[in-house]
C-alpha atoms as a PDB file:
ATOM      1  CA  MET A   1     135.440 117.998  83.506  1.00  0.00           C
ATOM      2  CA  ILE A   2     133.540 120.657  85.424  1.00  0.00           C
ATOM      3  CA  SER A   3     131.050 120.529  88.260  1.00  0.00           C
ATOM      4  CA  LEU A   4     127.323 120.635  87.754  1.00  0.00           C
ATOM      5  CA  HIS A   5     127.286 124.028  89.457  1.00  0.00           C
ATOM      6  CA  GLU A   6     129.889 125.388  87.020  1.00  0.00           C
ATOM      7  CA  ALA A   7     127.974 123.980  84.051  1.00  0.00           C
ATOM      8  CA  GLY A   8     124.775 125.608  85.252  1.00  0.00           C
ATOM      9  CA  LYS A   9     126.435 129.013  85.196  1.00  0.00           C
ATOM     10  CA  LEU A  10     126.966 128.688  81.435  1.00  0.00           C
ATOM     11  CA  ILE A  11     123.202 128.693  80.790  1.00  0.00           C
ATOM     12  CA  LYS A  12     121.640 132.121  81.248  1.00  0.00           C
ATOM     13  CA  ASN A  13     118.291 133.846  80.770  1.00  0.00           C
ATOM     14  CA  ASP A  14     117.176 134.554  77.186  1.00  0.00           C
ATOM     15  CA  MET A  15     119.589 132.052  75.634  1.00  0.00           C
ATOM     16  CA  THR A  16     118.867 129.645  72.809  1.00  0.00           C
ATOM     17  CA  ILE A  17     119.564 126.137  74.037  1.00  0.00           C
ATOM     18  CA  MET A  18     119.414 122.789  72.294  1.00  0.00           C
ATOM     19  CA  VAL A  19     118.677 119.586  74.195  1.00  0.00           C
ATOM     20  CA  GLY A  20     119.207 116.051  72.939  1.00  0.00           C
ATOM     21  CA  GLY A  21     116.724 113.277  73.583  1.00  0.00           C
ATOM     22  CA  PHE A  22     113.505 111.679  72.438  1.00  0.00           C
ATOM     23  CA  GLY A  23     110.414 111.661  74.664  1.00  0.00           C
ATOM     24  CA  GLY A  24     112.612 112.292  77.671  1.00  0.00           C
ATOM     25  CA  VAL A  25     114.992 109.435  76.844  1.00  0.00           C
ATOM     26  CA  GLY A  26     118.398 111.020  76.437  1.00  0.00           C
ATOM     27  CA  ASN A  27     117.447 114.330  78.067  1.00  0.00           C
ATOM     28  CA  PRO A  28     120.153 115.285  80.605  1.00  0.00           C
ATOM     29  CA  PRO A  29     118.341 115.095  83.980  1.00  0.00           C
ATOM     30  CA  SER A  30     120.913 116.759  86.243  1.00  0.00           C
ATOM     31  CA  LEU A  31     121.511 119.721  83.930  1.00  0.00           C
ATOM     32  CA  ILE A  32     117.766 120.265  83.550  1.00  0.00           C
ATOM     33  CA  ASP A  33     117.344 120.268  87.340  1.00  0.00           C
ATOM     34  CA  GLU A  34     120.267 122.688  87.669  1.00  0.00           C
ATOM     35  CA  MET A  35     118.612 125.080  85.218  1.00  0.00           C
ATOM     36  CA  ILE A  36     115.415 124.990  87.251  1.00  0.00           C
ATOM     37  CA  ARG A  37     117.352 125.470  90.482  1.00  0.00           C
ATOM     38  CA  ASN A  38     119.082 128.506  88.945  1.00  0.00           C
ATOM     39  CA  ASN A  39     115.701 129.918  87.892  1.00  0.00           C
ATOM     40  CA  VAL A  40     116.806 130.312  84.265  1.00  0.00           C
ATOM     41  CA  ARG A  41     113.972 131.773  82.180  1.00  0.00           C
ATOM     42  CA  ASN A  42     112.879 133.115  78.790  1.00  0.00           C
ATOM     43  CA  LEU A  43     114.723 130.408  76.908  1.00  0.00           C
ATOM     44  CA  THR A  44     114.374 129.399  73.303  1.00  0.00           C
ATOM     45  CA  LEU A  45     114.446 125.594  73.354  1.00  0.00           C
ATOM     46  CA  ILE A  46     115.286 123.426  70.357  1.00  0.00           C
ATOM     47  CA  CYS A  47     114.425 119.810  71.055  1.00  0.00           C
ATOM     48  CA  ASN A  48     112.693 116.897  69.385  1.00  0.00           C
ATOM     49  CA  ASP A  49     109.613 117.263  71.595  1.00  0.00           C
ATOM     50  CA  ALA A  50     108.226 118.813  74.779  1.00  0.00           C
ATOM     51  CA  GLY A  51     108.794 115.698  76.886  1.00  0.00           C
ATOM     52  CA  PHE A  52     106.181 114.704  79.451  1.00  0.00           C
ATOM     53  CA  PRO A  53     104.909 117.107  82.154  1.00  0.00           C
ATOM     54  CA  HIS A  54     107.487 116.012  84.746  1.00  0.00           C
ATOM     55  CA  ILE A  55     109.955 114.120  82.554  1.00  0.00           C
ATOM     56  CA  GLY A  56     112.976 115.545  80.738  1.00  0.00           C
ATOM     57  CA  VAL A  57     112.590 118.917  79.058  1.00  0.00           C
ATOM     58  CA  GLY A  58     108.944 118.745  80.075  1.00  0.00           C
ATOM     59  CA  LYS A  59     110.065 120.019  83.475  1.00  0.00           C
ATOM     60  CA  LEU A  60     111.316 123.208  81.841  1.00  0.00           C
ATOM     61  CA  VAL A  61     108.078 123.651  79.919  1.00  0.00           C
ATOM     62  CA  THR A  62     105.851 122.897  82.913  1.00  0.00           C
ATOM     63  CA  SER A  63     107.738 125.369  85.105  1.00  0.00           C
ATOM     64  CA  GLU A  64     107.330 128.004  82.353  1.00  0.00           C
ATOM     65  CA  ARG A  65     111.032 128.550  81.665  1.00  0.00           C
ATOM     66  CA  ILE A  66     110.565 128.369  77.886  1.00  0.00           C
ATOM     67  CA  LYS A  67     109.287 131.292  75.800  1.00  0.00           C
ATOM     68  CA  ARG A  68     109.828 129.675  72.377  1.00  0.00           C
ATOM     69  CA  LEU A  69     109.947 126.001  71.475  1.00  0.00           C
ATOM     70  CA  ILE A  70     111.191 124.560  68.192  1.00  0.00           C
ATOM     71  CA  ALA A  71     110.163 120.902  68.050  1.00  0.00           C
ATOM     72  CA  SER A  72     108.513 118.149  66.042  1.00  0.00           C
ATOM     73  CA  HIS A  73     105.585 117.601  68.444  1.00  0.00           C
ATOM     74  CA  ILE A  74     104.255 118.527  71.885  1.00  0.00           C
ATOM     75  CA  GLY A  75     101.454 115.987  72.271  1.00  0.00           C
ATOM     76  CA  SER A  76     103.021 114.147  75.208  1.00  0.00           C
ATOM     77  CA  ASN A  77     103.017 117.297  77.345  1.00  0.00           C
ATOM     78  CA  PRO A  78      99.571 118.908  77.770  1.00  0.00           C
ATOM     79  CA  ASN A  79     101.177 121.842  79.594  1.00  0.00           C
ATOM     80  CA  ALA A  80     102.905 122.833  76.362  1.00  0.00           C
ATOM     81  CA  GLY A  81      99.560 122.797  74.557  1.00  0.00           C
ATOM     82  CA  LYS A  82      97.927 124.944  77.220  1.00  0.00           C
ATOM     83  CA  GLN A  83     100.733 127.493  77.133  1.00  0.00           C
ATOM     84  CA  MET A  84     100.655 127.613  73.345  1.00  0.00           C
ATOM     85  CA  THR A  85      96.904 128.171  73.391  1.00  0.00           C
ATOM     86  CA  ASN A  86      97.041 130.963  75.969  1.00  0.00           C
ATOM     87  CA  GLY A  87      99.897 132.670  74.138  1.00  0.00           C
ATOM     88  CA  THR A  88     102.666 132.301  76.737  1.00  0.00           C
ATOM     89  CA  LEU A  89     104.629 129.781  74.654  1.00  0.00           C
ATOM     90  CA  GLU A  90     105.514 130.263  70.996  1.00  0.00           C
ATOM     91  CA  VAL A  91     105.833 126.920  69.218  1.00  0.00           C
ATOM     92  CA  GLU A  92     107.354 126.319  65.807  1.00  0.00           C
ATOM     93  CA  PHE A  93     106.785 122.828  64.421  1.00  0.00           C
ATOM     94  CA  PHE A  94     108.869 120.902  61.906  1.00  0.00           C
ATOM     95  CA  PRO A  95     108.527 117.313  60.705  1.00  0.00           C
ATOM     96  CA  GLN A  96     110.919 115.176  62.706  1.00  0.00           C
ATOM     97  CA  GLY A  97     113.221 114.423  59.786  1.00  0.00           C
ATOM     98  CA  THR A  98     113.352 118.065  58.745  1.00  0.00           C
ATOM     99  CA  LEU A  99     114.150 119.149  62.297  1.00  0.00           C
ATOM    100  CA  ALA A 100     116.951 116.599  62.553  1.00  0.00           C
ATOM    101  CA  GLU A 101     118.403 117.734  59.228  1.00  0.00           C
ATOM    102  CA  LYS A 102     118.266 121.401  60.238  1.00  0.00           C
ATOM    103  CA  ILE A 103     120.216 120.558  63.406  1.00  0.00           C
ATOM    104  CA  ARG A 104     122.681 118.370  61.506  1.00  0.00           C
ATOM    105  CA  ALA A 105     123.234 121.175  58.988  1.00  0.00           C
ATOM    106  CA  GLY A 106     124.002 123.581  61.798  1.00  0.00           C
ATOM    107  CA  GLY A 107     126.446 121.115  63.299  1.00  0.00           C
ATOM    108  CA  VAL A 108     128.441 120.572  60.117  1.00  0.00           C
ATOM    109  CA  GLY A 109     128.502 124.216  59.085  1.00  0.00           C
ATOM    110  CA  LEU A 110     125.911 124.220  56.302  1.00  0.00           C
ATOM    111  CA  GLY A 111     123.605 127.175  55.791  1.00  0.00           C
ATOM    112  CA  GLY A 112     120.517 125.013  55.471  1.00  0.00           C
ATOM    113  CA  VAL A 113     118.842 122.110  53.689  1.00  0.00           C
ATOM    114  CA  LEU A 114     116.414 121.689  50.793  1.00  0.00           C
ATOM    115  CA  ILE A 115     113.050 120.041  51.475  1.00  0.00           C
ATOM    116  CA  ASP A 116     109.987 119.316  49.357  1.00  0.00           C
ATOM    117  CA  ILE A 117     107.550 119.070  52.281  1.00  0.00           C
ATOM    118  CA  GLY A 118     105.102 121.939  52.049  1.00  0.00           C
ATOM    119  CA  VAL A 119     105.880 122.975  48.490  1.00  0.00           C
ATOM    120  CA  ASP A 120     102.846 124.805  47.050  1.00  0.00           C
ATOM    121  CA  ASN A 121     101.318 125.088  50.519  1.00  0.00           C
ATOM    122  CA  PRO A 122     100.897 128.850  51.135  1.00  0.00           C
ATOM    123  CA  ILE A 123     101.046 128.421  54.929  1.00  0.00           C
ATOM    124  CA  VAL A 124     104.291 126.425  54.831  1.00  0.00           C
ATOM    125  CA  GLU A 125     105.838 128.537  52.078  1.00  0.00           C
ATOM    126  CA  LYS A 126     105.275 131.793  53.939  1.00  0.00           C
ATOM    127  CA  ASN A 127     108.608 133.566  54.548  1.00  0.00           C
ATOM    128  CA  LYS A 128     110.574 130.690  52.954  1.00  0.00           C
ATOM    129  CA  ASN A 129     112.755 130.871  49.872  1.00  0.00           C
ATOM    130  CA  LYS A 130     112.196 128.461  46.972  1.00  0.00           C
ATOM    131  CA  PHE A 131     114.872 126.801  44.905  1.00  0.00           C
ATOM    132  CA  GLU A 132     114.682 124.596  41.833  1.00  0.00           C
ATOM    133  CA  ILE A 133     116.908 121.625  41.028  1.00  0.00           C
ATOM    134  CA  ASN A 134     116.453 119.517  37.898  1.00  0.00           C
ATOM    135  CA  GLY A 135     113.082 121.121  37.354  1.00  0.00           C
ATOM    136  CA  LEU A 136     111.763 120.240  40.810  1.00  0.00           C
ATOM    137  CA  PRO A 137     110.852 122.869  43.424  1.00  0.00           C
ATOM    138  CA  TYR A 138     112.259 122.848  46.952  1.00  0.00           C
ATOM    139  CA  LEU A 139     112.023 125.053  50.027  1.00  0.00           C
ATOM    140  CA  ILE A 140     115.163 126.241  51.765  1.00  0.00           C
ATOM    141  CA  GLU A 141     115.178 125.459  55.500  1.00  0.00           C
ATOM    142  CA  PRO A 142     117.881 127.363  57.409  1.00  0.00           C
ATOM    143  CA  ALA A 143     120.191 125.407  59.694  1.00  0.00           C
ATOM    144  CA  LEU A 144     119.659 125.446  63.456  1.00  0.00           C
ATOM    145  CA  THR A 145     122.335 126.167  66.050  1.00  0.00           C
ATOM    146  CA  ALA A 146     122.279 127.106  69.715  1.00  0.00           C
ATOM    147  CA  GLU A 147     124.347 129.089  72.156  1.00  0.00           C
ATOM    148  CA  VAL A 148     124.477 126.031  74.398  1.00  0.00           C
ATOM    149  CA  SER A 149     123.764 122.389  73.578  1.00  0.00           C
ATOM    150  CA  ILE A 150     123.274 119.863  76.382  1.00  0.00           C
ATOM    151  CA  VAL A 151     123.332 116.112  75.805  1.00  0.00           C
ATOM    152  CA  TYR A 152     123.138 112.950  77.892  1.00  0.00           C
ATOM    153  CA  ALA A 153     125.452 109.979  77.342  1.00  0.00           C
ATOM    154  CA  LYS A 154     125.596 106.525  78.889  1.00  0.00           C
ATOM    155  CA  LYS A 155     129.381 106.498  78.930  1.00  0.00           C
ATOM    156  CA  GLY A 156     132.137 108.927  78.087  1.00  0.00           C
ATOM    157  CA  ASP A 157     135.704 109.917  78.828  1.00  0.00           C
ATOM    158  CA  ARG A 158     137.160 113.129  80.184  1.00  0.00           C
ATOM    159  CA  PHE A 159     137.903 114.402  76.675  1.00  0.00           C
ATOM    160  CA  GLY A 160     134.226 114.180  75.739  1.00  0.00           C
ATOM    161  CA  ASN A 161     134.093 111.082  73.567  1.00  0.00           C
ATOM    162  CA  LEU A 162     130.563 109.761  74.075  1.00  0.00           C
ATOM    163  CA  ILE A 163     128.552 106.542  73.829  1.00  0.00           C
ATOM    164  CA  TYR A 164     124.737 106.698  73.947  1.00  0.00           C
ATOM    165  CA  ASP A 165     122.169 104.170  75.121  1.00  0.00           C
ATOM    166  CA  THR A 166     119.449 102.938  72.720  1.00  0.00           C
ATOM    167  CA  SER A 167     117.065 105.709  71.556  1.00  0.00           C
ATOM    168  CA  ALA A 168     119.129 108.395  73.326  1.00  0.00           C
ATOM    169  CA  ARG A 169     121.185 108.178  70.144  1.00  0.00           C
ATOM    170  CA  ASN A 170     118.301 109.565  68.052  1.00  0.00           C
ATOM    171  CA  THR A 171     119.131 113.266  68.378  1.00  0.00           C
ATOM    172  CA  ASN A 172     121.963 113.617  70.895  1.00  0.00           C
ATOM    173  CA  PRO A 173     124.777 113.148  68.341  1.00  0.00           C
ATOM    174  CA  LEU A 174     123.305 115.890  66.130  1.00  0.00           C
ATOM    175  CA  VAL A 175     122.652 118.263  69.041  1.00  0.00           C
ATOM    176  CA  ALA A 176     126.202 117.753  70.321  1.00  0.00           C
ATOM    177  CA  MET A 177     127.575 119.195  67.077  1.00  0.00           C
ATOM    178  CA  ALA A 178     125.273 122.206  66.839  1.00  0.00           C
ATOM    179  CA  GLY A 179     126.040 124.225  69.968  1.00  0.00           C
ATOM    180  CA  ASP A 180     128.488 127.085  70.298  1.00  0.00           C
ATOM    181  CA  ILE A 181     129.143 125.416  73.665  1.00  0.00           C
ATOM    182  CA  THR A 182     128.309 121.744  74.202  1.00  0.00           C
ATOM    183  CA  ILE A 183     127.949 120.260  77.681  1.00  0.00           C
ATOM    184  CA  ALA A 184     127.774 116.468  77.996  1.00  0.00           C
ATOM    185  CA  GLU A 185     126.150 115.002  81.089  1.00  0.00           C
ATOM    186  CA  VAL A 186     127.575 111.490  81.405  1.00  0.00           C
ATOM    187  CA  SER A 187     126.415 108.568  83.528  1.00  0.00           C
ATOM    188  CA  GLU A 188     129.742 106.714  83.582  1.00  0.00           C
ATOM    189  CA  ILE A 189     132.958 108.686  83.088  1.00  0.00           C
ATOM    190  CA  VAL A 190     136.169 106.801  82.318  1.00  0.00           C
ATOM    191  CA  GLU A 191     139.714 107.907  81.669  1.00  0.00           C
ATOM    192  CA  THR A 192     140.652 109.030  78.170  1.00  0.00           C
ATOM    193  CA  GLY A 193     141.769 106.033  76.137  1.00  0.00           C
ATOM    194  CA  GLU A 194     139.553 103.484  77.870  1.00  0.00           C
ATOM    195  CA  LEU A 195     136.716 103.617  75.348  1.00  0.00           C
ATOM    196  CA  ASP A 196     136.703 101.372  72.305  1.00  0.00           C
ATOM    197  CA  PRO A 197     137.040 103.827  69.398  1.00  0.00           C
ATOM    198  CA  GLU A 198     134.568 101.735  67.380  1.00  0.00           C
ATOM    199  CA  GLU A 199     131.869 102.389  69.994  1.00  0.00           C
ATOM    200  CA  VAL A 200     132.280 106.165  70.162  1.00  0.00           C
ATOM    201  CA  VAL A 201     129.376 108.009  68.523  1.00  0.00           C
ATOM    202  CA  THR A 202     130.237 111.629  69.348  1.00  0.00           C
ATOM    203  CA  ALA A 203     133.892 112.597  69.134  1.00  0.00           C
ATOM    204  CA  GLY A 204     135.306 114.685  71.944  1.00  0.00           C
ATOM    205  CA  ALA A 205     136.157 117.441  69.460  1.00  0.00           C
ATOM    206  CA  PHE A 206     132.491 118.477  69.566  1.00  0.00           C
ATOM    207  CA  VAL A 207     132.242 118.564  73.380  1.00  0.00           C
ATOM    208  CA  ASP A 208     133.445 121.488  75.482  1.00  0.00           C
ATOM    209  CA  TYR A 209     132.562 120.296  78.982  1.00  0.00           C
ATOM    210  CA  VAL A 210     131.818 116.968  80.670  1.00  0.00           C
ATOM    211  CA  VAL A 211     129.634 116.748  83.792  1.00  0.00           C
ATOM    212  CA  GLN A 212     128.996 113.777  86.064  1.00  0.00           C
ATOM    213  CA  SER A 213     125.310 112.844  86.004  1.00  0.00           C
ATOM    214  CA  LYS A 214     123.326 112.195  89.174  1.00  0.00           C
ATOM    215  CA  GLY A 215     121.104 109.855  87.168  1.00  0.00           C
ATOM    216  CA  VAL A 216     117.513 109.870  85.963  1.00  0.00           C
ATOM    217  CA  ASN A 217     115.240 111.014  88.781  1.00  0.00           C
ATOM    218  CA  TRP A 218     111.778 110.634  87.291  1.00  0.00           C
ATOM    219  CA  THR A 219     109.333 107.778  86.752  1.00  0.00           C
ATOM    220  CA  TRP A 220     108.876 106.916  83.112  1.00  0.00           C
ATOM    221  CA  ALA A 221     105.357 106.958  81.666  1.00  0.00           C
ATOM    222  CA  TRP A 222     105.433 103.186  81.134  1.00  0.00           C
ATOM    223  CA  GLU A 223     106.591 102.364  84.681  1.00  0.00           C
ATOM    224  CA  SER A 224     104.257 101.649  87.570  1.00  0.00           C
ATOM    225  CA  LYS A 225     104.093 104.374  90.189  1.00  0.00           C
END
């Protein structure tokens, strides 16, 4: 385990970072706040989405810490759309399944994946290699990795074995595998050996550092204010 302050020092300007979560659910709140507090900027962010304006990774987008975003959609965060339109944020979109597979490929050491989405579309095919299997054409999508991956888990031990809550499991397990350094922010930390092995989703072998979470500190879009 390390402190939140020590974890924050591992994330620096101009890095490529990957963040687990889905619409803010599963985004690590304390690590995101620490990045903002440290004034980290010019980041390339790989995440499922742009969050909401003041929820999850949306905080990073709204405070203009991100220069390039690789995601499946940004519709829940109008600030991302404004920045993309005015040219201050570069956005690269992928279908959600393709994005997940690119991250998974990076995590398991593959060079990329084959997809048929966009075949014969000149816009999609631009700068992509084609490959044929059994007479069918495919595009080669390179794998995605990051210098630092940050994930959020409901429960974990000091070795980094992690259990996720509901839809936080959507991308966090993939993101945890795909970072050169992976930091897990955990709500409840127990001693190694206390977790039921059948419940563990991410094995501690993929996690470099464990940080105690301060908890979610935003109001969800569906909650009353």
